[in-house]
PDB file of all heavy atoms in Angstrom:
ATOM      1  N   TYR A   1      85.014 110.270 102.473  1.00  0.00           N
ATOM      2  CA  TYR A   1      83.572 110.276 102.248  1.00  0.00           C
ATOM      3  C   TYR A   1      83.086 108.859 102.525  1.00  0.00           C
ATOM      4  O   TYR A   1      83.475 107.908 101.848  1.00  0.00           O
ATOM      5  CB  TYR A   1      83.230 110.689 100.811  1.00  0.00           C
ATOM      6  CG  TYR A   1      81.767 111.112 100.632  1.00  0.00           C
ATOM      7  CD1 TYR A   1      81.438 112.286  99.968  1.00  0.00           C
ATOM      8  CD2 TYR A   1      80.715 110.343 101.131  1.00  0.00           C
ATOM      9  CE1 TYR A   1      80.117 112.676  99.797  1.00  0.00           C
ATOM     10  CE2 TYR A   1      79.407 110.721 100.975  1.00  0.00           C
ATOM     11  CZ  TYR A   1      79.103 111.899 100.305  1.00  0.00           C
ATOM     12  OH  TYR A   1      77.790 112.275 100.163  1.00  0.00           O
ATOM     13  N   VAL A   2      82.217 108.734 103.538  1.00  0.00           N
ATOM     14  CA  VAL A   2      81.702 107.441 103.978  1.00  0.00           C
ATOM     15  C   VAL A   2      80.211 107.387 103.667  1.00  0.00           C
ATOM     16  O   VAL A   2      79.469 108.324 103.977  1.00  0.00           O
ATOM     17  CB  VAL A   2      81.936 107.245 105.490  1.00  0.00           C
ATOM     18  CG1 VAL A   2      81.350 105.915 105.966  1.00  0.00           C
ATOM     19  CG2 VAL A   2      83.424 107.323 105.816  1.00  0.00           C
ATOM     20  N   GLY A   3      79.768 106.304 103.046  1.00  0.00           N
ATOM     21  CA  GLY A   3      78.369 106.167 102.666  1.00  0.00           C
ATOM     22  C   GLY A   3      77.463 105.815 103.837  1.00  0.00           C
ATOM     23  O   GLY A   3      77.777 106.060 105.000  1.00  0.00           O
ATOM     24  N   GLU A   4      76.316 105.208 103.530  1.00  0.00           N
ATOM     25  CA  GLU A   4      75.340 104.808 104.543  1.00  0.00           C
ATOM     26  C   GLU A   4      75.541 103.350 104.944  1.00  0.00           C
ATOM     27  O   GLU A   4      76.048 102.537 104.178  1.00  0.00           O
ATOM     28  CB  GLU A   4      73.920 104.996 104.017  1.00  0.00           C
ATOM     29  CG  GLU A   4      73.528 106.440 103.827  1.00  0.00           C
ATOM     30  CD  GLU A   4      72.069 106.614 103.425  1.00  0.00           C
ATOM     31  OE1 GLU A   4      71.501 105.642 102.881  1.00  0.00           O
ATOM     32  OE2 GLU A   4      71.502 107.687 103.659  1.00  0.00           O
ATOM     33  N   TRP A   5      75.133 103.045 106.182  1.00  0.00           N
ATOM     34  CA  TRP A   5      75.131 101.682 106.700  1.00  0.00           C
ATOM     35  C   TRP A   5      76.540 101.072 106.731  1.00  0.00           C
ATOM     36  O   TRP A   5      76.720  99.867 106.601  1.00  0.00           O
ATOM     37  CB  TRP A   5      74.171 100.785 105.908  1.00  0.00           C
ATOM     38  CG  TRP A   5      72.820 101.384 105.728  1.00  0.00           C
ATOM     39  CD1 TRP A   5      72.280 101.867 104.569  1.00  0.00           C
ATOM     40  CD2 TRP A   5      71.821 101.601 106.740  1.00  0.00           C
ATOM     41  NE1 TRP A   5      71.021 102.359 104.786  1.00  0.00           N
ATOM     42  CE2 TRP A   5      70.714 102.210 106.116  1.00  0.00           C
ATOM     43  CE3 TRP A   5      71.760 101.341 108.109  1.00  0.00           C
ATOM     44  CZ2 TRP A   5      69.556 102.562 106.806  1.00  0.00           C
ATOM     45  CZ3 TRP A   5      70.608 101.685 108.797  1.00  0.00           C
ATOM     46  CH2 TRP A   5      69.519 102.280 108.153  1.00  0.00           C
ATOM     47  N   VAL A   6      77.516 101.940 106.895  1.00  0.00           N
ATOM     48  CA  VAL A   6      78.917 101.508 106.999  1.00  0.00           C
ATOM     49  C   VAL A   6      79.267 101.326 108.471  1.00  0.00           C
ATOM     50  O   VAL A   6      78.814 102.078 109.334  1.00  0.00           O
ATOM     51  CB  VAL A   6      79.862 102.564 106.367  1.00  0.00           C
ATOM     52  CG1 VAL A   6      81.323 102.234 106.612  1.00  0.00           C
ATOM     53  CG2 VAL A   6      79.580 102.681 104.872  1.00  0.00           C
ATOM     54  N   ASN A   7      80.076 100.303 108.768  1.00  0.00           N
ATOM     55  CA  ASN A   7      80.590 100.132 110.121  1.00  0.00           C
ATOM     56  C   ASN A   7      82.112 100.040 110.063  1.00  0.00           C
ATOM     57  O   ASN A   7      82.669  99.144 109.426  1.00  0.00           O
ATOM     58  CB  ASN A   7      80.034  98.873 110.783  1.00  0.00           C
ATOM     59  CG  ASN A   7      80.374  98.830 112.265  1.00  0.00           C
ATOM     60  OD1 ASN A   7      79.735  99.489 113.085  1.00  0.00           O
ATOM     61  ND2 ASN A   7      81.397  98.077 112.629  1.00  0.00           N
ATOM     62  N   LEU A   8      82.771 100.999 110.718  1.00  0.00           N
ATOM     63  CA  LEU A   8      84.225 101.009 110.782  1.00  0.00           C
ATOM     64  C   LEU A   8      84.640 100.441 112.131  1.00  0.00           C
ATOM     65  O   LEU A   8      84.345 101.019 113.189  1.00  0.00           O
ATOM     66  CB  LEU A   8      84.758 102.440 110.605  1.00  0.00           C
ATOM     67  CG  LEU A   8      84.349 103.131 109.297  1.00  0.00           C
ATOM     68  CD1 LEU A   8      84.925 104.543 109.245  1.00  0.00           C
ATOM     69  CD2 LEU A   8      84.792 102.323 108.091  1.00  0.00           C
ATOM     70  N   GLY A   9      85.296  99.287 112.108  1.00  0.00           N
ATOM     71  CA  GLY A   9      85.676  98.615 113.337  1.00  0.00           C
ATOM     72  C   GLY A   9      86.659  99.429 114.160  1.00  0.00           C
ATOM     73  O   GLY A   9      87.302 100.369 113.676  1.00  0.00           O
ATOM     74  N   ALA A  10      86.787  99.047 115.443  1.00  0.00           N
ATOM     75  CA  ALA A  10      87.660  99.770 116.367  1.00  0.00           C
ATOM     76  C   ALA A  10      89.060  99.916 115.790  1.00  0.00           C
ATOM     77  O   ALA A  10      89.630  98.970 115.244  1.00  0.00           O
ATOM     78  CB  ALA A  10      87.716  99.035 117.705  1.00  0.00           C
ATOM     79  N   LEU A  11      89.606 101.141 115.916  1.00  0.00           N
ATOM     80  CA  LEU A  11      90.961 101.490 115.476  1.00  0.00           C
ATOM     81  C   LEU A  11      91.125 101.487 113.955  1.00  0.00           C
ATOM     82  O   LEU A  11      92.254 101.594 113.466  1.00  0.00           O
ATOM     83  CB  LEU A  11      92.012 100.584 116.122  1.00  0.00           C
ATOM     84  CG  LEU A  11      92.044 100.591 117.660  1.00  0.00           C
ATOM     85  CD1 LEU A  11      93.102  99.638 118.172  1.00  0.00           C
ATOM     86  CD2 LEU A  11      92.283 101.996 118.188  1.00  0.00           C
ATOM     87  N   THR A  12      90.029 101.372 113.209  1.00  0.00           N
ATOM     88  CA  THR A  12      90.135 101.595 111.766  1.00  0.00           C
ATOM     89  C   THR A  12      90.653 103.014 111.529  1.00  0.00           C
ATOM     90  O   THR A  12      90.122 103.979 112.078  1.00  0.00           O
ATOM     91  CB  THR A  12      88.778 101.411 111.080  1.00  0.00           C
ATOM     92  OG1 THR A  12      88.389 100.035 111.143  1.00  0.00           O
ATOM     93  CG2 THR A  12      88.831 101.844 109.623  1.00  0.00           C
ATOM     94  N   THR A  13      91.688 103.117 110.714  1.00  0.00           N
ATOM     95  CA  THR A  13      92.374 104.393 110.509  1.00  0.00           C
ATOM     96  C   THR A  13      92.728 104.552 109.037  1.00  0.00           C
ATOM     97  O   THR A  13      93.166 103.596 108.396  1.00  0.00           O
ATOM     98  CB  THR A  13      93.659 104.463 111.363  1.00  0.00           C
ATOM     99  OG1 THR A  13      93.287 104.526 112.746  1.00  0.00           O
ATOM    100  CG2 THR A  13      94.506 105.671 111.022  1.00  0.00           C
ATOM    101  N   ASN A  14      92.507 105.757 108.506  1.00  0.00           N
ATOM    102  CA  ASN A  14      92.963 105.998 107.137  1.00  0.00           C
ATOM    103  C   ASN A  14      94.057 107.073 107.111  1.00  0.00           C
ATOM    104  O   ASN A  14      94.076 107.994 107.933  1.00  0.00           O
ATOM    105  CB  ASN A  14      91.815 106.363 106.201  1.00  0.00           C
ATOM    106  CG  ASN A  14      91.366 107.808 106.269  1.00  0.00           C
ATOM    107  OD1 ASN A  14      90.316 108.101 106.826  1.00  0.00           O
ATOM    108  ND2 ASN A  14      92.122 108.727 105.692  1.00  0.00           N
ATOM    109  N   SER A  15      94.961 106.916 106.163  1.00  0.00           N
ATOM    110  CA  SER A  15      95.943 107.958 105.876  1.00  0.00           C
ATOM    111  C   SER A  15      95.320 108.957 104.909  1.00  0.00           C
ATOM    112  O   SER A  15      94.607 108.566 103.983  1.00  0.00           O
ATOM    113  CB  SER A  15      97.199 107.344 105.252  1.00  0.00           C
ATOM    114  OG  SER A  15      98.011 108.345 104.678  1.00  0.00           O
ATOM    115  N   ASP A  16      95.577 110.242 105.114  1.00  0.00           N
ATOM    116  CA  ASP A  16      95.102 111.245 104.156  1.00  0.00           C
ATOM    117  C   ASP A  16      96.233 112.145 103.658  1.00  0.00           C
ATOM    118  O   ASP A  16      95.976 113.152 102.994  1.00  0.00           O
ATOM    119  CB  ASP A  16      93.968 112.090 104.754  1.00  0.00           C
ATOM    120  CG  ASP A  16      94.399 112.901 105.969  1.00  0.00           C
ATOM    121  OD1 ASP A  16      95.575 112.802 106.378  1.00  0.00           O
ATOM    122  OD2 ASP A  16      93.554 113.648 106.515  1.00  0.00           O
ATOM    123  N   LEU A  17      97.486 111.756 103.958  1.00  0.00           N
ATOM    124  CA  LEU A  17      98.647 112.544 103.538  1.00  0.00           C
ATOM    125  C   LEU A  17      99.813 111.615 103.279  1.00  0.00           C
ATOM    126  O   LEU A  17     100.168 110.799 104.139  1.00  0.00           O
ATOM    127  CB  LEU A  17      99.015 113.562 104.623  1.00  0.00           C
ATOM    128  CG  LEU A  17     100.250 114.430 104.382  1.00  0.00           C
ATOM    129  CD1 LEU A  17     100.001 115.399 103.228  1.00  0.00           C
ATOM    130  CD2 LEU A  17     100.626 115.192 105.650  1.00  0.00           C
ATOM    131  N   LYS A  18     100.408 111.717 102.100  1.00  0.00           N
ATOM    132  CA  LYS A  18     101.553 110.875 101.771  1.00  0.00           C
ATOM    133  C   LYS A  18     102.812 111.385 102.467  1.00  0.00           C
ATOM    134  O   LYS A  18     102.954 112.577 102.731  1.00  0.00           O
ATOM    135  CB  LYS A  18     101.753 110.860 100.257  1.00  0.00           C
ATOM    136  CG  LYS A  18     100.595 110.226  99.493  1.00  0.00           C
ATOM    137  CD  LYS A  18     100.688 110.453  98.007  1.00  0.00           C
ATOM    138  CE  LYS A  18     101.852 109.712  97.394  1.00  0.00           C
ATOM    139  NZ  LYS A  18     101.852 109.845  95.913  1.00  0.00           N
ATOM    140  N   ASN A  19     103.730 110.471 102.729  1.00  0.00           N
ATOM    141  CA  ASN A  19     104.950 110.842 103.451  1.00  0.00           C
ATOM    142  C   ASN A  19     105.793 111.854 102.692  1.00  0.00           C
ATOM    143  O   ASN A  19     106.537 112.631 103.291  1.00  0.00           O
ATOM    144  CB  ASN A  19     105.785 109.597 103.749  1.00  0.00           C
ATOM    145  CG  ASN A  19     105.167 108.747 104.842  1.00  0.00           C
ATOM    146  OD1 ASN A  19     104.325 109.224 105.602  1.00  0.00           O
ATOM    147  ND2 ASN A  19     105.558 107.489 104.909  1.00  0.00           N
ATOM    148  N   ASP A  20     105.705 111.852 101.351  1.00  0.00           N
ATOM    149  CA  ASP A  20     106.497 112.803 100.574  1.00  0.00           C
ATOM    150  C   ASP A  20     105.710 114.076 100.230  1.00  0.00           C
ATOM    151  O   ASP A  20     106.198 114.928  99.480  1.00  0.00           O
ATOM    152  CB  ASP A  20     107.034 112.153  99.299  1.00  0.00           C
ATOM    153  CG  ASP A  20     105.926 111.694  98.360  1.00  0.00           C
ATOM    154  OD1 ASP A  20     104.729 111.928  98.668  1.00  0.00           O
ATOM    155  OD2 ASP A  20     106.247 111.099  97.317  1.00  0.00           O
ATOM    156  N   TYR A  21     104.496 114.198 100.757  1.00  0.00           N
ATOM    157  CA  TYR A  21     103.662 115.387 100.576  1.00  0.00           C
ATOM    158  C   TYR A  21     103.309 115.645  99.105  1.00  0.00           C
ATOM    159  O   TYR A  21     102.964 116.764  98.733  1.00  0.00           O
ATOM    160  CB  TYR A  21     104.324 116.634 101.178  1.00  0.00           C
ATOM    161  CG  TYR A  21     104.279 116.681 102.687  1.00  0.00           C
ATOM    162  CD1 TYR A  21     104.973 115.764 103.455  1.00  0.00           C
ATOM    163  CD2 TYR A  21     103.522 117.637 103.354  1.00  0.00           C
ATOM    164  CE1 TYR A  21     104.930 115.791 104.838  1.00  0.00           C
ATOM    165  CE2 TYR A  21     103.470 117.689 104.736  1.00  0.00           C
ATOM    166  CZ  TYR A  21     104.173 116.756 105.478  1.00  0.00           C
ATOM    167  OH  TYR A  21     104.122 116.778 106.848  1.00  0.00           O
ATOM    168  N   SER A  22     103.377 114.643  98.272  1.00  0.00           N
ATOM    169  CA  SER A  22     102.975 114.797  96.875  1.00  0.00           C
ATOM    170  C   SER A  22     101.466 114.619  96.757  1.00  0.00           C
ATOM    171  O   SER A  22     100.789 114.174  97.689  1.00  0.00           O
ATOM    172  CB  SER A  22     103.703 113.784  95.991  1.00  0.00           C
ATOM    173  OG  SER A  22     103.382 112.458  96.376  1.00  0.00           O
ATOM    174  N   ASN A  23     100.912 114.966  95.574  1.00  0.00           N
ATOM    175  CA  ASN A  23      99.473 114.846  95.361  1.00  0.00           C
ATOM    176  C   ASN A  23      99.024 113.391  95.489  1.00  0.00           C
ATOM    177  O   ASN A  23      99.731 112.461  95.090  1.00  0.00           O
ATOM    178  CB  ASN A  23      99.088 115.353  93.977  1.00  0.00           C
ATOM    179  CG  ASN A  23      99.132 116.857  93.873  1.00  0.00           C
ATOM    180  OD1 ASN A  23      99.313 117.557  94.873  1.00  0.00           O
ATOM    181  ND2 ASN A  23      98.978 117.373  92.668  1.00  0.00           N
ATOM    182  N   VAL A  24      97.817 113.221  96.026  1.00  0.00           N
ATOM    183  CA  VAL A  24      97.228 111.892  96.182  1.00  0.00           C
ATOM    184  C   VAL A  24      96.554 111.490  94.873  1.00  0.00           C
ATOM    185  O   VAL A  24      95.896 112.301  94.216  1.00  0.00           O
ATOM    186  CB  VAL A  24      96.195 111.880  97.323  1.00  0.00           C
ATOM    187  CG1 VAL A  24      95.546 110.510  97.463  1.00  0.00           C
ATOM    188  CG2 VAL A  24      96.849 112.303  98.640  1.00  0.00           C
ATOM    189  N   SER A  25      96.727 110.230  94.486  1.00  0.00           N
ATOM    190  CA  SER A  25      96.043 109.676  93.321  1.00  0.00           C
ATOM    191  C   SER A  25      95.037 108.621  93.769  1.00  0.00           C
ATOM    192  O   SER A  25      95.257 107.929  94.776  1.00  0.00           O
ATOM    193  CB  SER A  25      97.049 109.049  92.348  1.00  0.00           C
ATOM    194  OG  SER A  25      97.893 110.044  91.810  1.00  0.00           O
ATOM    195  N   VAL A  26      93.948 108.502  93.017  1.00  0.00           N
ATOM    196  CA  VAL A  26      92.870 107.563  93.348  1.00  0.00           C
ATOM    197  C   VAL A  26      92.523 106.744  92.115  1.00  0.00           C
ATOM    198  O   VAL A  26      92.383 107.294  91.017  1.00  0.00           O
ATOM    199  CB  VAL A  26      91.615 108.306  93.845  1.00  0.00           C
ATOM    200  CG1 VAL A  26      90.468 107.332  94.075  1.00  0.00           C
ATOM    201  CG2 VAL A  26      91.906 109.075  95.121  1.00  0.00           C
ATOM    202  N   SER A  27      92.362 105.433  92.303  1.00  0.00           N
ATOM    203  CA  SER A  27      91.863 104.570  91.242  1.00  0.00           C
ATOM    204  C   SER A  27      90.367 104.368  91.423  1.00  0.00           C
ATOM    205  O   SER A  27      89.919 103.954  92.499  1.00  0.00           O
ATOM    206  CB  SER A  27      92.576 103.212  91.261  1.00  0.00           C
ATOM    207  OG  SER A  27      91.986 102.325  90.336  1.00  0.00           O
ATOM    208  N   LEU A  28      89.599 104.662  90.384  1.00  0.00           N
ATOM    209  CA  LEU A  28      88.148 104.540  90.477  1.00  0.00           C
ATOM    210  C   LEU A  28      87.663 103.113  90.264  1.00  0.00           C
ATOM    211  O   LEU A  28      86.595 102.739  90.742  1.00  0.00           O
ATOM    212  CB  LEU A  28      87.486 105.457  89.452  1.00  0.00           C
ATOM    213  CG  LEU A  28      87.695 106.952  89.683  1.00  0.00           C
ATOM    214  CD1 LEU A  28      87.186 107.755  88.499  1.00  0.00           C
ATOM    215  CD2 LEU A  28      87.001 107.406  90.962  1.00  0.00           C
ATOM    216  N   ASP A  29      88.442 102.294  89.527  1.00  0.00           N
ATOM    217  CA  ASP A  29      87.985 100.951  89.188  1.00  0.00           C
ATOM    218  C   ASP A  29      89.096  99.909  89.240  1.00  0.00           C
ATOM    219  O   ASP A  29      88.946  98.824  88.677  1.00  0.00           O
ATOM    220  CB  ASP A  29      87.355 100.956  87.795  1.00  0.00           C
ATOM    221  CG  ASP A  29      88.336 101.419  86.715  1.00  0.00           C
ATOM    222  OD1 ASP A  29      89.494 101.727  87.041  1.00  0.00           O
ATOM    223  OD2 ASP A  29      87.930 101.477  85.544  1.00  0.00           O
ATOM    224  N   GLY A  30      90.187 100.233  89.907  1.00  0.00           N
ATOM    225  CA  GLY A  30      91.304  99.304  89.963  1.00  0.00           C
ATOM    226  C   GLY A  30      92.301  99.490  88.836  1.00  0.00           C
ATOM    227  O   GLY A  30      93.344  98.833  88.802  1.00  0.00           O
ATOM    228  N   GLY A  31      91.995 100.403  87.904  1.00  0.00           N
ATOM    229  CA  GLY A  31      92.891 100.661  86.790  1.00  0.00           C
ATOM    230  C   GLY A  31      93.781 101.855  87.056  1.00  0.00           C
ATOM    231  O   GLY A  31      94.264 102.065  88.167  1.00  0.00           O
ATOM    232  N   LYS A  32      93.973 102.664  86.026  1.00  0.00           N
ATOM    233  CA  LYS A  32      94.861 103.814  86.117  1.00  0.00           C
ATOM    234  C   LYS A  32      94.401 104.779  87.187  1.00  0.00           C
ATOM    235  O   LYS A  32      93.224 105.115  87.287  1.00  0.00           O
ATOM    236  CB  LYS A  32      94.939 104.520  84.765  1.00  0.00           C
ATOM    237  CG  LYS A  32      95.917 105.678  84.739  1.00  0.00           C
ATOM    238  CD  LYS A  32      95.970 106.321  83.355  1.00  0.00           C
ATOM    239  CE  LYS A  32      96.935 107.499  83.339  1.00  0.00           C
ATOM    240  NZ  LYS A  32      96.981 108.142  81.991  1.00  0.00           N
TER     241      LYS A  32
END
């Protein structure tokens, strides 16, 4: 999910799948 007025430079790439196929976890504020 990308907001407004964002610029992704050439070859910017994100991973969306872990190598072990386990569930993805996200930190909302740098904590748990």
